[in-house]
Amino acid sequence: MSDSQKRHDLEWLEAAMVYRKAKFYLEEAQQVERDAKAALIELTDVDAVGGGVEVKFTERRGSIDYKQVVNAIDPNFDAEPYRKESTSVQTVKVIKE
């Protein structure tokens, strides 16, 4: 955070408070969802439906590790010319001050 501009204005602090509160409730809700999902899956080992919820078991083929494929064909292959254009991203996170 050394290069970051330190903000103390009311508008920023209010927006930060709303974000932190929303982040807290979102993480809490996500944990409740994970627990409920695990409980439903624990209750059945076959496709099941009830109470407006469906549990479905589906087999999915594994993905292909293209890095290993390329290395098997040509370990000296340079992928840099195929790199897409850089992008700019914004990250917002809760920090301890």
N, C-alpha and C. Protein backbone atom coordinates (compact mmCIF):
# COMPACT_ATOMS: atom_id res chain seq x y z
N MET A 1 0.82 -1.20 0.00
CA MET A 1 0.00 0.00 0.00
C MET A 1 0.86 1.25 0.00
N SER A 2 2.16 1.15 -0.09
CA SER A 2 3.05 2.30 -0.01
C SER A 2 2.84 3.29 -1.14
N ASP A 3 2.47 2.84 -2.35
CA ASP A 3 2.27 3.74 -3.48
C ASP A 3 0.82 4.22 -3.58
N SER A 4 -0.04 3.73 -2.70
CA SER A 4 -1.46 4.07 -2.77
C SER A 4 -1.73 5.41 -2.12
N GLN A 5 -2.67 6.13 -2.71
CA GLN A 5 -3.08 7.42 -2.17
C GLN A 5 -3.97 7.17 -0.95
N LYS A 6 -3.65 7.75 0.18
CA LYS A 6 -4.44 7.59 1.41
C LYS A 6 -5.63 8.54 1.35
N ARG A 7 -6.85 8.00 1.52
CA ARG A 7 -8.08 8.80 1.43
C ARG A 7 -8.76 8.88 2.78
N HIS A 8 -9.21 10.07 3.15
CA HIS A 8 -9.91 10.29 4.41
C HIS A 8 -11.21 11.05 4.21
N ASP A 9 -11.56 11.36 2.96
CA ASP A 9 -12.77 12.15 2.71
C ASP A 9 -14.01 11.31 3.00
N LEU A 10 -15.07 12.00 3.41
CA LEU A 10 -16.30 11.35 3.85
C LEU A 10 -16.90 10.45 2.77
N GLU A 11 -16.92 10.91 1.53
CA GLU A 11 -17.50 10.11 0.44
C GLU A 11 -16.78 8.76 0.30
N TRP A 12 -15.45 8.80 0.35
CA TRP A 12 -14.65 7.57 0.24
C TRP A 12 -14.90 6.65 1.44
N LEU A 13 -14.87 7.24 2.64
CA LEU A 13 -15.05 6.44 3.85
C LEU A 13 -16.43 5.79 3.91
N GLU A 14 -17.46 6.49 3.46
CA GLU A 14 -18.80 5.91 3.43
C GLU A 14 -18.87 4.76 2.43
N ALA A 15 -18.31 4.96 1.24
CA ALA A 15 -18.30 3.90 0.23
C ALA A 15 -17.50 2.69 0.73
N ALA A 16 -16.39 2.94 1.41
CA ALA A 16 -15.57 1.86 1.95
C ALA A 16 -16.34 1.08 3.01
N MET A 17 -17.09 1.77 3.86
CA MET A 17 -17.87 1.12 4.90
C MET A 17 -18.95 0.23 4.28
N VAL A 18 -19.63 0.74 3.27
CA VAL A 18 -20.67 -0.04 2.59
C VAL A 18 -20.04 -1.27 1.94
N TYR A 19 -18.88 -1.12 1.31
CA TYR A 19 -18.21 -2.25 0.67
C TYR A 19 -17.82 -3.30 1.69
N ARG A 20 -17.20 -2.87 2.80
CA ARG A 20 -16.77 -3.83 3.83
C ARG A 20 -17.95 -4.58 4.41
N LYS A 21 -19.05 -3.88 4.64
CA LYS A 21 -20.25 -4.53 5.19
C LYS A 21 -20.81 -5.52 4.18
N ALA A 22 -20.90 -5.12 2.92
CA ALA A 22 -21.41 -6.01 1.87
C ALA A 22 -20.52 -7.24 1.73
N LYS A 23 -19.22 -7.04 1.76
CA LYS A 23 -18.26 -8.15 1.64
C LYS A 23 -18.44 -9.13 2.79
N PHE A 24 -18.63 -8.61 4.01
CA PHE A 24 -18.83 -9.46 5.19
C PHE A 24 -20.08 -10.31 5.01
N TYR A 25 -21.21 -9.68 4.66
CA TYR A 25 -22.46 -10.43 4.51
C TYR A 25 -22.42 -11.40 3.34
N LEU A 26 -21.72 -11.02 2.27
CA LEU A 26 -21.57 -11.93 1.13
C LEU A 26 -20.80 -13.18 1.54
N GLU A 27 -19.68 -13.01 2.24
CA GLU A 27 -18.88 -14.16 2.66
C GLU A 27 -19.66 -15.03 3.65
N GLU A 28 -20.42 -14.39 4.53
CA GLU A 28 -21.25 -15.14 5.47
C GLU A 28 -22.31 -15.95 4.72
N ALA A 29 -22.96 -15.33 3.74
CA ALA A 29 -23.99 -16.03 2.95
C ALA A 29 -23.37 -17.15 2.13
N GLN A 30 -22.18 -16.94 1.59
CA GLN A 30 -21.52 -17.99 0.82
C GLN A 30 -21.19 -19.19 1.69
N GLN A 31 -20.82 -18.96 2.94
CA GLN A 31 -20.54 -20.07 3.86
C GLN A 31 -21.81 -20.83 4.17
N VAL A 32 -22.91 -20.12 4.39
CA VAL A 32 -24.20 -20.77 4.65
C VAL A 32 -24.59 -21.61 3.44
N GLU A 33 -24.38 -21.06 2.22
CA GLU A 33 -24.69 -21.80 1.00
C GLU A 33 -23.84 -23.07 0.89
N ARG A 34 -22.53 -22.95 1.14
CA ARG A 34 -21.65 -24.13 1.07
C ARG A 34 -22.09 -25.21 2.06
N ASP A 35 -22.45 -24.80 3.27
CA ASP A 35 -22.89 -25.75 4.28
C ASP A 35 -24.20 -26.44 3.87
N ALA A 36 -25.15 -25.66 3.35
CA ALA A 36 -26.44 -26.23 2.93
C ALA A 36 -26.25 -27.17 1.75
N LYS A 37 -25.39 -26.79 0.81
CA LYS A 37 -25.11 -27.65 -0.35
C LYS A 37 -24.49 -28.97 0.11
N ALA A 38 -23.53 -28.89 1.02
CA ALA A 38 -22.89 -30.11 1.54
C ALA A 38 -23.91 -31.00 2.24
N ALA A 39 -24.83 -30.40 2.98
CA ALA A 39 -25.86 -31.17 3.68
C ALA A 39 -26.76 -31.88 2.69
N LEU A 40 -27.18 -31.19 1.62
CA LEU A 40 -28.03 -31.81 0.60
C LEU A 40 -27.32 -32.97 -0.09
N ILE A 41 -26.06 -32.78 -0.43
CA ILE A 41 -25.29 -33.83 -1.10
C ILE A 41 -25.10 -35.02 -0.15
N GLU A 42 -24.92 -34.74 1.12
CA GLU A 42 -24.76 -35.80 2.12
C GLU A 42 -26.03 -36.64 2.26
N LEU A 43 -27.18 -36.03 1.97
CA LEU A 43 -28.46 -36.71 2.14
C LEU A 43 -28.84 -37.64 0.99
N THR A 44 -28.08 -37.63 -0.11
CA THR A 44 -28.42 -38.49 -1.25
C THR A 44 -27.18 -38.90 -2.01
N ASP A 45 -27.28 -40.04 -2.68
CA ASP A 45 -26.19 -40.46 -3.57
C ASP A 45 -26.73 -40.72 -4.97
N VAL A 46 -27.96 -40.26 -5.20
CA VAL A 46 -28.58 -40.32 -6.53
C VAL A 46 -29.23 -38.97 -6.81
N ASP A 47 -29.59 -38.72 -8.08
CA ASP A 47 -30.29 -37.48 -8.42
C ASP A 47 -31.55 -37.37 -7.56
N ALA A 48 -31.80 -36.18 -7.02
CA ALA A 48 -32.95 -35.99 -6.15
C ALA A 48 -33.49 -34.57 -6.33
N VAL A 49 -34.79 -34.40 -6.05
CA VAL A 49 -35.43 -33.10 -6.16
C VAL A 49 -36.46 -32.96 -5.06
N GLY A 50 -36.61 -31.74 -4.54
CA GLY A 50 -37.61 -31.48 -3.51
C GLY A 50 -37.37 -30.14 -2.85
N GLY A 51 -38.45 -29.50 -2.43
CA GLY A 51 -38.32 -28.22 -1.75
C GLY A 51 -37.75 -27.12 -2.63
N GLY A 52 -37.93 -27.27 -3.93
CA GLY A 52 -37.41 -26.26 -4.85
C GLY A 52 -35.92 -26.37 -5.12
N VAL A 53 -35.34 -27.52 -4.78
CA VAL A 53 -33.90 -27.73 -4.98
C VAL A 53 -33.70 -29.07 -5.67
N GLU A 54 -32.72 -29.12 -6.56
CA GLU A 54 -32.37 -30.36 -7.24
C GLU A 54 -30.90 -30.66 -7.01
N VAL A 55 -30.59 -31.91 -6.71
CA VAL A 55 -29.21 -32.39 -6.66
C VAL A 55 -29.06 -33.34 -7.83
N LYS A 56 -28.09 -33.08 -8.68
CA LYS A 56 -27.89 -33.89 -9.87
C LYS A 56 -26.42 -34.30 -9.92
N PHE A 57 -26.18 -35.59 -10.14
CA PHE A 57 -24.83 -36.12 -10.25
C PHE A 57 -24.49 -36.26 -11.74
N THR A 58 -23.41 -35.64 -12.17
CA THR A 58 -23.02 -35.63 -13.57
C THR A 58 -21.54 -35.98 -13.68
N GLU A 59 -21.22 -36.87 -14.61
CA GLU A 59 -19.82 -37.22 -14.87
C GLU A 59 -19.29 -36.24 -15.91
N ARG A 60 -18.12 -35.69 -15.66
CA ARG A 60 -17.52 -34.72 -16.55
C ARG A 60 -16.13 -35.19 -16.96
N ARG A 61 -15.83 -35.15 -18.25
CA ARG A 61 -14.50 -35.54 -18.72
C ARG A 61 -13.47 -34.54 -18.20
N GLY A 62 -12.28 -35.05 -17.93
CA GLY A 62 -11.20 -34.18 -17.45
C GLY A 62 -10.73 -33.23 -18.55
N SER A 63 -10.19 -32.09 -18.13
CA SER A 63 -9.67 -31.12 -19.10
C SER A 63 -8.30 -31.57 -19.60
N ILE A 64 -7.90 -31.02 -20.73
CA ILE A 64 -6.61 -31.36 -21.32
C ILE A 64 -5.58 -30.34 -20.87
N ASP A 65 -4.43 -30.80 -20.40
CA ASP A 65 -3.35 -29.93 -19.97
C ASP A 65 -2.52 -29.57 -21.21
N TYR A 66 -2.89 -28.46 -21.85
CA TYR A 66 -2.25 -28.09 -23.11
C TYR A 66 -0.78 -27.74 -22.94
N LYS A 67 -0.37 -27.28 -21.77
CA LYS A 67 1.05 -27.01 -21.54
C LYS A 67 1.84 -28.31 -21.65
N GLN A 68 1.31 -29.39 -21.07
CA GLN A 68 1.99 -30.69 -21.17
C GLN A 68 1.98 -31.20 -22.60
N VAL A 69 0.90 -30.97 -23.33
CA VAL A 69 0.81 -31.41 -24.72
C VAL A 69 1.90 -30.71 -25.54
N VAL A 70 1.99 -29.40 -25.40
CA VAL A 70 3.00 -28.63 -26.16
C VAL A 70 4.39 -29.08 -25.76
N ASN A 71 4.65 -29.27 -24.47
CA ASN A 71 5.98 -29.72 -24.02
C ASN A 71 6.31 -31.10 -24.56
N ALA A 72 5.32 -31.97 -24.70
CA ALA A 72 5.56 -33.31 -25.24
C ALA A 72 5.93 -33.23 -26.72
N ILE A 73 5.33 -32.28 -27.45
CA ILE A 73 5.60 -32.14 -28.88
C ILE A 73 6.90 -31.39 -29.11
N ASP A 74 7.09 -30.26 -28.40
CA ASP A 74 8.29 -29.45 -28.58
C ASP A 74 8.59 -28.70 -27.28
N PRO A 75 9.50 -29.22 -26.45
CA PRO A 75 9.80 -28.59 -25.16
C PRO A 75 10.36 -27.17 -25.29
N ASN A 76 10.86 -26.80 -26.47
CA ASN A 76 11.44 -25.47 -26.68
C ASN A 76 10.46 -24.49 -27.33
N PHE A 77 9.21 -24.88 -27.43
CA PHE A 77 8.20 -24.04 -28.08
C PHE A 77 8.04 -22.73 -27.31
N ASP A 78 8.06 -21.60 -28.05
CA ASP A 78 7.90 -20.28 -27.45
C ASP A 78 6.46 -19.79 -27.69
N ALA A 79 5.68 -19.72 -26.65
CA ALA A 79 4.27 -19.32 -26.76
C ALA A 79 4.10 -17.80 -26.73
N GLU A 80 5.14 -17.04 -26.40
CA GLU A 80 5.03 -15.58 -26.28
C GLU A 80 4.41 -14.90 -27.49
N PRO A 81 4.75 -15.29 -28.73
CA PRO A 81 4.13 -14.62 -29.87
C PRO A 81 2.61 -14.79 -29.92
N TYR A 82 2.09 -15.74 -29.17
CA TYR A 82 0.65 -16.01 -29.17
C TYR A 82 -0.07 -15.38 -27.98
N ARG A 83 0.69 -14.65 -27.16
CA ARG A 83 0.09 -14.01 -25.98
C ARG A 83 -0.86 -12.90 -26.42
N LYS A 84 -2.02 -12.84 -25.79
CA LYS A 84 -3.00 -11.80 -26.09
C LYS A 84 -2.56 -10.49 -25.47
N GLU A 85 -3.20 -9.41 -25.88
CA GLU A 85 -2.88 -8.07 -25.40
C GLU A 85 -3.13 -7.96 -23.90
N SER A 86 -2.28 -7.20 -23.21
CA SER A 86 -2.44 -6.98 -21.78
C SER A 86 -3.73 -6.23 -21.49
N THR A 87 -4.27 -6.44 -20.30
CA THR A 87 -5.47 -5.73 -19.88
C THR A 87 -5.21 -5.10 -18.52
N SER A 88 -6.01 -4.14 -18.17
CA SER A 88 -5.93 -3.49 -16.87
C SER A 88 -7.11 -3.96 -16.03
N VAL A 89 -6.84 -4.34 -14.80
CA VAL A 89 -7.90 -4.79 -13.90
C VAL A 89 -7.87 -3.95 -12.64
N GLN A 90 -9.03 -3.81 -12.02
CA GLN A 90 -9.14 -3.11 -10.76
C GLN A 90 -9.48 -4.12 -9.68
N THR A 91 -8.78 -4.07 -8.58
CA THR A 91 -9.01 -4.99 -7.48
C THR A 91 -9.43 -4.20 -6.26
N VAL A 92 -10.51 -4.61 -5.63
CA VAL A 92 -10.96 -3.99 -4.38
C VAL A 92 -10.95 -5.08 -3.34
N LYS A 93 -10.30 -4.84 -2.21
CA LYS A 93 -10.26 -5.84 -1.15
C LYS A 93 -10.26 -5.16 0.20
N VAL A 94 -10.71 -5.89 1.19
CA VAL A 94 -10.72 -5.41 2.56
C VAL A 94 -9.32 -5.64 3.14
N ILE A 95 -8.76 -4.60 3.76
CA ILE A 95 -7.42 -4.70 4.34
C ILE A 95 -7.47 -4.35 5.82
N LYS A 96 -6.45 -4.74 6.54
CA LYS A 96 -6.32 -4.35 7.94
C LYS A 96 -5.38 -3.15 7.99
N GLU A 97 -5.84 -2.09 8.61
CA GLU A 97 -5.01 -0.88 8.69
C GLU A 97 -4.32 -0.78 10.03
